[in-house]
Amino acid sequence: MELPRVFAKPIEKKINNVQEVYKESERDERMDVKGFIKDLYHSGRIPYMIDFRLVLNNNEVLEDRIATRTDNYIITKSNKKIYINDIKMIEEIKKA
């Protein structure tokens, strides 16, 4: 059985459908610290009983416990007040 012929109009213009993708490296490296802290407090876990590693924007690394938080700051058990936007990364230190 012979298939029917299909009409295809020839394309006369140049097709440029390649999309440029740009990645902002700092944004990809930063985690959502406010979201992490919010999820931590809503998880039912006790933050001041958990050790955390905090990496600040100036690459200073702190290992401490979070005593409390406000909208813009956290206060550690060692009584340091840290602006949340100055935190690049926060992670829980797992005990072996």
PDB file of N, CA and C in Angstrom:
ATOM      1  N   MET A   1       0.848  -1.185   0.000  1.00  0.00           N
ATOM      2  CA  MET A   1       0.000   0.000   0.000  1.00  0.00           C
ATOM      3  C   MET A   1       0.887   1.240   0.000  1.00  0.00           C
ATOM      4  N   GLU A   2       0.584   2.170  -0.847  1.00  0.00           N
ATOM      5  CA  GLU A   2       1.377   3.388  -0.979  1.00  0.00           C
ATOM      6  C   GLU A   2       0.869   4.451  -0.010  1.00  0.00           C
ATOM      7  N   LEU A   3       1.808   5.098   0.689  1.00  0.00           N
ATOM      8  CA  LEU A   3       1.431   6.138   1.644  1.00  0.00           C
ATOM      9  C   LEU A   3       1.120   7.430   0.904  1.00  0.00           C
ATOM     10  N   PRO A   4       0.208   8.238   1.463  1.00  0.00           N
ATOM     11  CA  PRO A   4      -0.124   9.504   0.802  1.00  0.00           C
ATOM     12  C   PRO A   4       1.045  10.482   0.900  1.00  0.00           C
ATOM     13  N   ARG A   5       1.132  11.385  -0.057  1.00  0.00           N
ATOM     14  CA  ARG A   5       2.190  12.385  -0.047  1.00  0.00           C
ATOM     15  C   ARG A   5       1.805  13.517   0.898  1.00  0.00           C
ATOM     16  N   VAL A   6       2.794  14.035   1.586  1.00  0.00           N
ATOM     17  CA  VAL A   6       2.568  15.116   2.539  1.00  0.00           C
ATOM     18  C   VAL A   6       3.228  16.372   2.000  1.00  0.00           C
ATOM     19  N   PHE A   7       2.480  17.475   2.023  1.00  0.00           N
ATOM     20  CA  PHE A   7       3.043  18.744   1.557  1.00  0.00           C
ATOM     21  C   PHE A   7       3.779  19.409   2.716  1.00  0.00           C
ATOM     22  N   ALA A   8       5.016  19.768   2.512  1.00  0.00           N
ATOM     23  CA  ALA A   8       5.806  20.492   3.503  1.00  0.00           C
ATOM     24  C   ALA A   8       6.398  21.710   2.818  1.00  0.00           C
ATOM     25  N   LYS A   9       5.979  22.861   3.270  1.00  0.00           N
ATOM     26  CA  LYS A   9       6.482  24.105   2.692  1.00  0.00           C
ATOM     27  C   LYS A   9       7.955  24.271   3.085  1.00  0.00           C
ATOM     28  N   PRO A  10       8.818  24.570   2.143  1.00  0.00           N
ATOM     29  CA  PRO A  10      10.234  24.751   2.474  1.00  0.00           C
ATOM     30  C   PRO A  10      10.445  25.990   3.346  1.00  0.00           C
ATOM     31  N   ILE A  11      11.360  25.877   4.268  1.00  0.00           N
ATOM     32  CA  ILE A  11      11.671  26.978   5.178  1.00  0.00           C
ATOM     33  C   ILE A  11      12.724  27.857   4.515  1.00  0.00           C
ATOM     34  N   GLU A  12      12.371  29.135   4.349  1.00  0.00           N
ATOM     35  CA  GLU A  12      13.246  30.043   3.622  1.00  0.00           C
ATOM     36  C   GLU A  12      14.058  30.954   4.535  1.00  0.00           C
ATOM     37  N   LYS A  13      13.666  31.073   5.788  1.00  0.00           N
ATOM     38  CA  LYS A  13      14.409  31.960   6.689  1.00  0.00           C
ATOM     39  C   LYS A  13      15.325  31.136   7.592  1.00  0.00           C
ATOM     40  N   LYS A  14      16.284  31.815   8.171  1.00  0.00           N
ATOM     41  CA  LYS A  14      17.224  31.159   9.069  1.00  0.00           C
ATOM     42  C   LYS A  14      16.540  30.916  10.414  1.00  0.00           C
ATOM     43  N   ILE A  15      16.672  29.717  10.896  1.00  0.00           N
ATOM     44  CA  ILE A  15      16.068  29.372  12.188  1.00  0.00           C
ATOM     45  C   ILE A  15      17.148  29.467  13.250  1.00  0.00           C
ATOM     46  N   ASN A  16      16.852  30.235  14.278  1.00  0.00           N
ATOM     47  CA  ASN A  16      17.782  30.397  15.394  1.00  0.00           C
ATOM     48  C   ASN A  16      17.031  30.048  16.677  1.00  0.00           C
ATOM     49  N   ASN A  17      16.920  28.776  16.967  1.00  0.00           N
ATOM     50  CA  ASN A  17      16.186  28.362  18.157  1.00  0.00           C
ATOM     51  C   ASN A  17      17.101  27.860  19.272  1.00  0.00           C
ATOM     52  N   VAL A  18      18.377  28.189  19.185  1.00  0.00           N
ATOM     53  CA  VAL A  18      19.317  27.832  20.238  1.00  0.00           C
ATOM     54  C   VAL A  18      19.173  28.874  21.340  1.00  0.00           C
ATOM     55  N   GLN A  19      18.914  28.420  22.542  1.00  0.00           N
ATOM     56  CA  GLN A  19      18.738  29.333  23.656  1.00  0.00           C
ATOM     57  C   GLN A  19      20.001  29.366  24.491  1.00  0.00           C
ATOM     58  N   GLU A  20      20.401  30.564  24.847  1.00  0.00           N
ATOM     59  CA  GLU A  20      21.560  30.735  25.710  1.00  0.00           C
ATOM     60  C   GLU A  20      21.117  30.534  27.154  1.00  0.00           C
ATOM     61  N   VAL A  21      21.898  29.809  27.903  1.00  0.00           N
ATOM     62  CA  VAL A  21      21.588  29.558  29.305  1.00  0.00           C
ATOM     63  C   VAL A  21      22.725  30.139  30.129  1.00  0.00           C
ATOM     64  N   TYR A  22      22.366  30.991  31.071  1.00  0.00           N
ATOM     65  CA  TYR A  22      23.352  31.594  31.953  1.00  0.00           C
ATOM     66  C   TYR A  22      23.099  31.108  33.364  1.00  0.00           C
ATOM     67  N   LYS A  23      24.163  30.896  34.099  1.00  0.00           N
ATOM     68  CA  LYS A  23      24.056  30.421  35.464  1.00  0.00           C
ATOM     69  C   LYS A  23      24.821  31.375  36.360  1.00  0.00           C
ATOM     70  N   GLU A  24      24.153  31.849  37.355  1.00  0.00           N
ATOM     71  CA  GLU A  24      24.811  32.711  38.320  1.00  0.00           C
ATOM     72  C   GLU A  24      25.352  31.811  39.418  1.00  0.00           C
ATOM     73  N   SER A  25      26.653  31.681  39.460  1.00  0.00           N
ATOM     74  CA  SER A  25      27.262  30.678  40.322  1.00  0.00           C
ATOM     75  C   SER A  25      27.000  30.934  41.801  1.00  0.00           C
ATOM     76  N   GLU A  26      27.029  32.168  42.230  1.00  0.00           N
ATOM     77  CA  GLU A  26      26.837  32.432  43.662  1.00  0.00           C
ATOM     78  C   GLU A  26      25.439  32.030  44.094  1.00  0.00           C
ATOM     79  N   ARG A  27      24.452  32.290  43.258  1.00  0.00           N
ATOM     80  CA  ARG A  27      23.086  31.942  43.613  1.00  0.00           C
ATOM     81  C   ARG A  27      22.928  30.429  43.716  1.00  0.00           C
ATOM     82  N   ASP A  28      23.590  29.680  42.854  1.00  0.00           N
ATOM     83  CA  ASP A  28      23.488  28.234  42.897  1.00  0.00           C
ATOM     84  C   ASP A  28      24.205  27.659  44.113  1.00  0.00           C
ATOM     85  N   GLU A  29      25.262  28.317  44.566  1.00  0.00           N
ATOM     86  CA  GLU A  29      26.005  27.815  45.723  1.00  0.00           C
ATOM     87  C   GLU A  29      25.288  28.121  47.027  1.00  0.00           C
ATOM     88  N   ARG A  30      24.522  29.159  47.055  1.00  0.00           N
ATOM     89  CA  ARG A  30      23.837  29.535  48.286  1.00  0.00           C
ATOM     90  C   ARG A  30      22.606  28.668  48.486  1.00  0.00           C
ATOM     91  N   MET A  31      22.379  28.279  49.681  1.00  0.00           N
ATOM     92  CA  MET A  31      21.187  27.505  49.967  1.00  0.00           C
ATOM     93  C   MET A  31      20.134  28.430  50.569  1.00  0.00           C
ATOM     94  N   ASP A  32      18.922  27.963  50.670  1.00  0.00           N
ATOM     95  CA  ASP A  32      17.838  28.737  51.258  1.00  0.00           C
ATOM     96  C   ASP A  32      17.921  28.586  52.776  1.00  0.00           C
ATOM     97  N   VAL A  33      18.707  29.464  53.395  1.00  0.00           N
ATOM     98  CA  VAL A  33      18.962  29.364  54.838  1.00  0.00           C
ATOM     99  C   VAL A  33      17.696  29.653  55.628  1.00  0.00           C
ATOM    100  N   LYS A  34      16.949  30.688  55.219  1.00  0.00           N
ATOM    101  CA  LYS A  34      15.707  31.005  55.939  1.00  0.00           C
ATOM    102  C   LYS A  34      14.736  29.838  55.878  1.00  0.00           C
ATOM    103  N   GLY A  35      14.648  29.201  54.719  1.00  0.00           N
ATOM    104  CA  GLY A  35      13.767  28.035  54.580  1.00  0.00           C
ATOM    105  C   GLY A  35      14.229  26.874  55.435  1.00  0.00           C
ATOM    106  N   PHE A  36      15.544  26.659  55.498  1.00  0.00           N
ATOM    107  CA  PHE A  36      16.103  25.589  56.322  1.00  0.00           C
ATOM    108  C   PHE A  36      15.760  25.816  57.791  1.00  0.00           C
ATOM    109  N   ILE A  37      15.947  27.046  58.269  1.00  0.00           N
ATOM    110  CA  ILE A  37      15.671  27.360  59.676  1.00  0.00           C
ATOM    111  C   ILE A  37      14.181  27.248  59.961  1.00  0.00           C
ATOM    112  N   LYS A  38      13.362  27.737  59.035  1.00  0.00           N
ATOM    113  CA  LYS A  38      11.913  27.648  59.213  1.00  0.00           C
ATOM    114  C   LYS A  38      11.473  26.189  59.283  1.00  0.00           C
ATOM    115  N   ASP A  39      11.976  25.357  58.366  1.00  0.00           N
ATOM    116  CA  ASP A  39      11.627  23.937  58.381  1.00  0.00           C
ATOM    117  C   ASP A  39      12.110  23.255  59.652  1.00  0.00           C
ATOM    118  N   LEU A  40      13.268  23.679  60.148  1.00  0.00           N
ATOM    119  CA  LEU A  40      13.812  23.100  61.372  1.00  0.00           C
ATOM    120  C   LEU A  40      12.888  23.363  62.555  1.00  0.00           C
ATOM    121  N   TYR A  41      12.410  24.595  62.675  1.00  0.00           N
ATOM    122  CA  TYR A  41      11.542  24.931  63.801  1.00  0.00           C
ATOM    123  C   TYR A  41      10.152  24.317  63.660  1.00  0.00           C
ATOM    124  N   HIS A  42       9.706  24.066  62.436  1.00  0.00           N
ATOM    125  CA  HIS A  42       8.391  23.464  62.235  1.00  0.00           C
ATOM    126  C   HIS A  42       8.433  21.940  62.231  1.00  0.00           C
ATOM    127  N   SER A  43       9.629  21.361  62.310  1.00  0.00           N
ATOM    128  CA  SER A  43       9.755  19.908  62.266  1.00  0.00           C
ATOM    129  C   SER A  43       9.477  19.249  63.615  1.00  0.00           C
ATOM    130  N   GLY A  44       9.435  20.040  64.670  1.00  0.00           N
ATOM    131  CA  GLY A  44       9.213  19.467  65.993  1.00  0.00           C
ATOM    132  C   GLY A  44      10.498  19.076  66.696  1.00  0.00           C
ATOM    133  N   ARG A  45      11.629  19.203  66.002  1.00  0.00           N
ATOM    134  CA  ARG A  45      12.919  18.905  66.626  1.00  0.00           C
ATOM    135  C   ARG A  45      13.342  20.099  67.486  1.00  0.00           C
ATOM    136  N   ILE A  46      14.255  19.860  68.381  1.00  0.00           N
ATOM    137  CA  ILE A  46      14.709  20.920  69.287  1.00  0.00           C
ATOM    138  C   ILE A  46      16.051  21.439  68.778  1.00  0.00           C
ATOM    139  N   PRO A  47      16.065  22.637  68.160  1.00  0.00           N
ATOM    140  CA  PRO A  47      17.296  23.141  67.532  1.00  0.00           C
ATOM    141  C   PRO A  47      18.448  23.354  68.502  1.00  0.00           C
ATOM    142  N   TYR A  48      18.161  23.738  69.750  1.00  0.00           N
ATOM    143  CA  TYR A  48      19.267  24.012  70.667  1.00  0.00           C
ATOM    144  C   TYR A  48      19.894  22.741  71.219  1.00  0.00           C
ATOM    145  N   MET A  49      19.411  21.578  70.771  1.00  0.00           N
ATOM    146  CA  MET A  49      20.026  20.306  71.138  1.00  0.00           C
ATOM    147  C   MET A  49      20.817  19.708  69.976  1.00  0.00           C
ATOM    148  N   ILE A  50      20.884  20.430  68.844  1.00  0.00           N
ATOM    149  CA  ILE A  50      21.527  19.917  67.633  1.00  0.00           C
ATOM    150  C   ILE A  50      22.733  20.788  67.300  1.00  0.00           C
ATOM    151  N   ASP A  51      23.846  20.166  66.996  1.00  0.00           N
ATOM    152  CA  ASP A  51      25.033  20.906  66.564  1.00  0.00           C
ATOM    153  C   ASP A  51      24.936  21.204  65.071  1.00  0.00           C
ATOM    154  N   PHE A  52      25.308  22.442  64.715  1.00  0.00           N
ATOM    155  CA  PHE A  52      25.262  22.876  63.330  1.00  0.00           C
ATOM    156  C   PHE A  52      26.612  23.417  62.899  1.00  0.00           C
ATOM    157  N   ARG A  53      26.873  23.299  61.609  1.00  0.00           N
ATOM    158  CA  ARG A  53      28.042  23.930  60.996  1.00  0.00           C
ATOM    159  C   ARG A  53      27.504  25.059  60.127  1.00  0.00           C
ATOM    160  N   LEU A  54      27.935  26.264  60.433  1.00  0.00           N
ATOM    161  CA  LEU A  54      27.508  27.452  59.697  1.00  0.00           C
ATOM    162  C   LEU A  54      28.694  27.976  58.895  1.00  0.00           C
ATOM    163  N   VAL A  55      28.497  28.192  57.605  1.00  0.00           N
ATOM    164  CA  VAL A  55      29.514  28.803  56.766  1.00  0.00           C
ATOM    165  C   VAL A  55      28.995  30.180  56.394  1.00  0.00           C
ATOM    166  N   LEU A  56      29.754  31.201  56.774  1.00  0.00           N
ATOM    167  CA  LEU A  56      29.337  32.574  56.515  1.00  0.00           C
ATOM    168  C   LEU A  56      29.864  33.048  55.165  1.00  0.00           C
ATOM    169  N   ASN A  57      29.370  34.207  54.729  1.00  0.00           N
ATOM    170  CA  ASN A  57      29.773  34.755  53.429  1.00  0.00           C
ATOM    171  C   ASN A  57      31.271  35.032  53.339  1.00  0.00           C
ATOM    172  N   ASN A  58      31.906  35.322  54.463  1.00  0.00           N
ATOM    173  CA  ASN A  58      33.350  35.576  54.457  1.00  0.00           C
ATOM    174  C   ASN A  58      34.139  34.270  54.633  1.00  0.00           C
ATOM    175  N   ASN A  59      33.466  33.130  54.422  1.00  0.00           N
ATOM    176  CA  ASN A  59      34.027  31.777  54.520  1.00  0.00           C
ATOM    177  C   ASN A  59      34.469  31.391  55.933  1.00  0.00           C
ATOM    178  N   GLU A  60      34.018  32.112  56.912  1.00  0.00           N
ATOM    179  CA  GLU A  60      34.250  31.718  58.304  1.00  0.00           C
ATOM    180  C   GLU A  60      33.327  30.548  58.630  1.00  0.00           C
ATOM    181  N   VAL A  61      33.857  29.543  59.291  1.00  0.00           N
ATOM    182  CA  VAL A  61      33.079  28.346  59.640  1.00  0.00           C
ATOM    183  C   VAL A  61      32.878  28.331  61.153  1.00  0.00           C
ATOM    184  N   LEU A  62      31.622  28.222  61.567  1.00  0.00           N
ATOM    185  CA  LEU A  62      31.281  28.144  62.988  1.00  0.00           C
ATOM    186  C   LEU A  62      30.591  26.817  63.242  1.00  0.00           C
ATOM    187  N   GLU A  63      30.919  26.187  64.341  1.00  0.00           N
ATOM    188  CA  GLU A  63      30.205  24.996  64.778  1.00  0.00           C
ATOM    189  C   GLU A  63      29.589  25.328  66.121  1.00  0.00           C
ATOM    190  N   ASP A  64      28.263  25.363  66.148  1.00  0.00           N
ATOM    191  CA  ASP A  64      27.565  25.815  67.344  1.00  0.00           C
ATOM    192  C   ASP A  64      26.135  25.294  67.297  1.00  0.00           C
ATOM    193  N   ARG A  65      25.378  25.603  68.328  1.00  0.00           N
ATOM    194  CA  ARG A  65      23.958  25.281  68.379  1.00  0.00           C
ATOM    195  C   ARG A  65      23.148  26.563  68.265  1.00  0.00           C
ATOM    196  N   ILE A  66      21.977  26.451  67.671  1.00  0.00           N
ATOM    197  CA  ILE A  66      21.107  27.615  67.511  1.00  0.00           C
ATOM    198  C   ILE A  66      20.237  27.715  68.758  1.00  0.00           C
ATOM    199  N   ALA A  67      20.353  28.841  69.466  1.00  0.00           N
ATOM    200  CA  ALA A  67      19.553  29.046  70.670  1.00  0.00           C
ATOM    201  C   ALA A  67      18.162  29.546  70.309  1.00  0.00           C
ATOM    202  N   THR A  68      18.099  30.535  69.444  1.00  0.00           N
ATOM    203  CA  THR A  68      16.814  31.091  69.035  1.00  0.00           C
ATOM    204  C   THR A  68      16.981  31.808  67.705  1.00  0.00           C
ATOM    205  N   ARG A  69      15.879  32.265  67.172  1.00  0.00           N
ATOM    206  CA  ARG A  69      15.907  32.980  65.900  1.00  0.00           C
ATOM    207  C   ARG A  69      14.890  34.114  65.913  1.00  0.00           C
ATOM    208  N   THR A  70      15.134  35.088  65.085  1.00  0.00           N
ATOM    209  CA  THR A  70      14.150  36.118  64.775  1.00  0.00           C
ATOM    210  C   THR A  70      13.957  36.067  63.269  1.00  0.00           C
ATOM    211  N   ASP A  71      13.282  37.050  62.701  1.00  0.00           N
ATOM    212  CA  ASP A  71      13.096  37.052  61.249  1.00  0.00           C
ATOM    213  C   ASP A  71      14.418  37.200  60.511  1.00  0.00           C
ATOM    214  N   ASN A  72      15.359  37.961  61.072  1.00  0.00           N
ATOM    215  CA  ASN A  72      16.590  38.266  60.358  1.00  0.00           C
ATOM    216  C   ASN A  72      17.865  37.745  61.019  1.00  0.00           C
ATOM    217  N   TYR A  73      17.782  37.265  62.235  1.00  0.00           N
ATOM    218  CA  TYR A  73      18.978  36.855  62.964  1.00  0.00           C
ATOM    219  C   TYR A  73      18.771  35.503  63.614  1.00  0.00           C
ATOM    220  N   ILE A  74      19.902  34.804  63.850  1.00  0.00           N
ATOM    221  CA  ILE A  74      19.893  33.666  64.760  1.00  0.00           C
ATOM    222  C   ILE A  74      20.875  33.989  65.881  1.00  0.00           C
ATOM    223  N   ILE A  75      20.604  33.450  67.033  1.00  0.00           N
ATOM    224  CA  ILE A  75      21.503  33.612  68.171  1.00  0.00           C
ATOM    225  C   ILE A  75      21.957  32.215  68.562  1.00  0.00           C
ATOM    226  N   THR A  76      23.269  32.047  68.656  1.00  0.00           N
ATOM    227  CA  THR A  76      23.827  30.734  68.957  1.00  0.00           C
ATOM    228  C   THR A  76      23.930  30.540  70.466  1.00  0.00           C
ATOM    229  N   LYS A  77      24.222  29.316  70.862  1.00  0.00           N
ATOM    230  CA  LYS A  77      24.380  29.013  72.285  1.00  0.00           C
ATOM    231  C   LYS A  77      25.576  29.733  72.888  1.00  0.00           C
ATOM    232  N   SER A  78      26.572  30.068  72.055  1.00  0.00           N
ATOM    233  CA  SER A  78      27.726  30.821  72.549  1.00  0.00           C
ATOM    234  C   SER A  78      27.475  32.327  72.497  1.00  0.00           C
ATOM    235  N   ASN A  79      26.209  32.703  72.340  1.00  0.00           N
ATOM    236  CA  ASN A  79      25.758  34.094  72.413  1.00  0.00           C
ATOM    237  C   ASN A  79      26.266  34.953  71.257  1.00  0.00           C
ATOM    238  N   LYS A  80      26.385  34.376  70.059  1.00  0.00           N
ATOM    239  CA  LYS A  80      26.738  35.149  68.871  1.00  0.00           C
ATOM    240  C   LYS A  80      25.472  35.457  68.097  1.00  0.00           C
ATOM    241  N   LYS A  81      25.325  36.714  67.698  1.00  0.00           N
ATOM    242  CA  LYS A  81      24.191  37.146  66.898  1.00  0.00           C
ATOM    243  C   LYS A  81      24.636  37.162  65.436  1.00  0.00           C
ATOM    244  N   ILE A  82      24.000  36.341  64.602  1.00  0.00           N
ATOM    245  CA  ILE A  82      24.411  36.192  63.208  1.00  0.00           C
ATOM    246  C   ILE A  82      23.241  36.567  62.308  1.00  0.00           C
ATOM    247  N   TYR A  83      23.499  37.496  61.406  1.00  0.00           N
ATOM    248  CA  TYR A  83      22.503  37.923  60.427  1.00  0.00           C
ATOM    249  C   TYR A  83      22.286  36.765  59.447  1.00  0.00           C
ATOM    250  N   ILE A  84      21.044  36.375  59.226  1.00  0.00           N
ATOM    251  CA  ILE A  84      20.742  35.201  58.414  1.00  0.00           C
ATOM    252  C   ILE A  84      21.249  35.356  56.984  1.00  0.00           C
ATOM    253  N   ASN A  85      21.195  36.569  56.429  1.00  0.00           N
ATOM    254  CA  ASN A  85      21.678  36.777  55.066  1.00  0.00           C
ATOM    255  C   ASN A  85      23.197  36.668  54.963  1.00  0.00           C
ATOM    256  N   ASP A  86      23.900  36.665  56.096  1.00  0.00           N
ATOM    257  CA  ASP A  86      25.346  36.468  56.089  1.00  0.00           C
ATOM    258  C   ASP A  86      25.736  34.989  56.096  1.00  0.00           C
ATOM    259  N   ILE A  87      24.757  34.103  56.191  1.00  0.00           N
ATOM    260  CA  ILE A  87      25.027  32.675  56.227  1.00  0.00           C
ATOM    261  C   ILE A  87      24.945  32.123  54.810  1.00  0.00           C
ATOM    262  N   LYS A  88      26.021  31.513  54.369  1.00  0.00           N
ATOM    263  CA  LYS A  88      26.055  30.910  53.031  1.00  0.00           C
ATOM    264  C   LYS A  88      25.482  29.487  53.066  1.00  0.00           C
ATOM    265  N   MET A  89      25.810  28.748  54.124  1.00  0.00           N
ATOM    266  CA  MET A  89      25.367  27.365  54.223  1.00  0.00           C
ATOM    267  C   MET A  89      25.221  26.990  55.691  1.00  0.00           C
ATOM    268  N   ILE A  90      24.249  26.144  55.955  1.00  0.00           N
ATOM    269  CA  ILE A  90      24.059  25.607  57.295  1.00  0.00           C
ATOM    270  C   ILE A  90      23.770  24.133  57.150  1.00  0.00           C
ATOM    271  N   GLU A  91      24.415  23.322  58.004  1.00  0.00           N
ATOM    272  CA  GLU A  91      24.156  21.889  57.959  1.00  0.00           C
ATOM    273  C   GLU A  91      24.253  21.321  59.359  1.00  0.00           C
ATOM    274  N   GLU A  92      23.510  20.265  59.559  1.00  0.00           N
ATOM    275  CA  GLU A  92      23.539  19.580  60.839  1.00  0.00           C
ATOM    276  C   GLU A  92      24.776  18.703  60.919  1.00  0.00           C
ATOM    277  N   ILE A  93      25.443  18.717  62.057  1.00  0.00           N
ATOM    278  CA  ILE A  93      26.588  17.848  62.288  1.00  0.00           C
ATOM    279  C   ILE A  93      26.062  16.545  62.855  1.00  0.00           C
ATOM    280  N   LYS A  94      26.199  15.492  62.082  1.00  0.00           N
ATOM    281  CA  LYS A  94      25.713  14.175  62.500  1.00  0.00           C
ATOM    282  C   LYS A  94      26.671  13.561  63.493  1.00  0.00           C
ATOM    283  N   LYS A  95      26.127  13.015  64.544  1.00  0.00           N
ATOM    284  CA  LYS A  95      26.964  12.352  65.542  1.00  0.00           C
ATOM    285  C   LYS A  95      27.057  10.873  65.187  1.00  0.00           C
ATOM    286  N   ALA A  96      28.244  10.357  65.300  1.00  0.00           N
ATOM    287  CA  ALA A  96      28.470   8.949  64.920  1.00  0.00           C
ATOM    288  C   ALA A  96      28.063   8.005  66.016  1.00  0.00           C
TER     289      ALA A  96
END
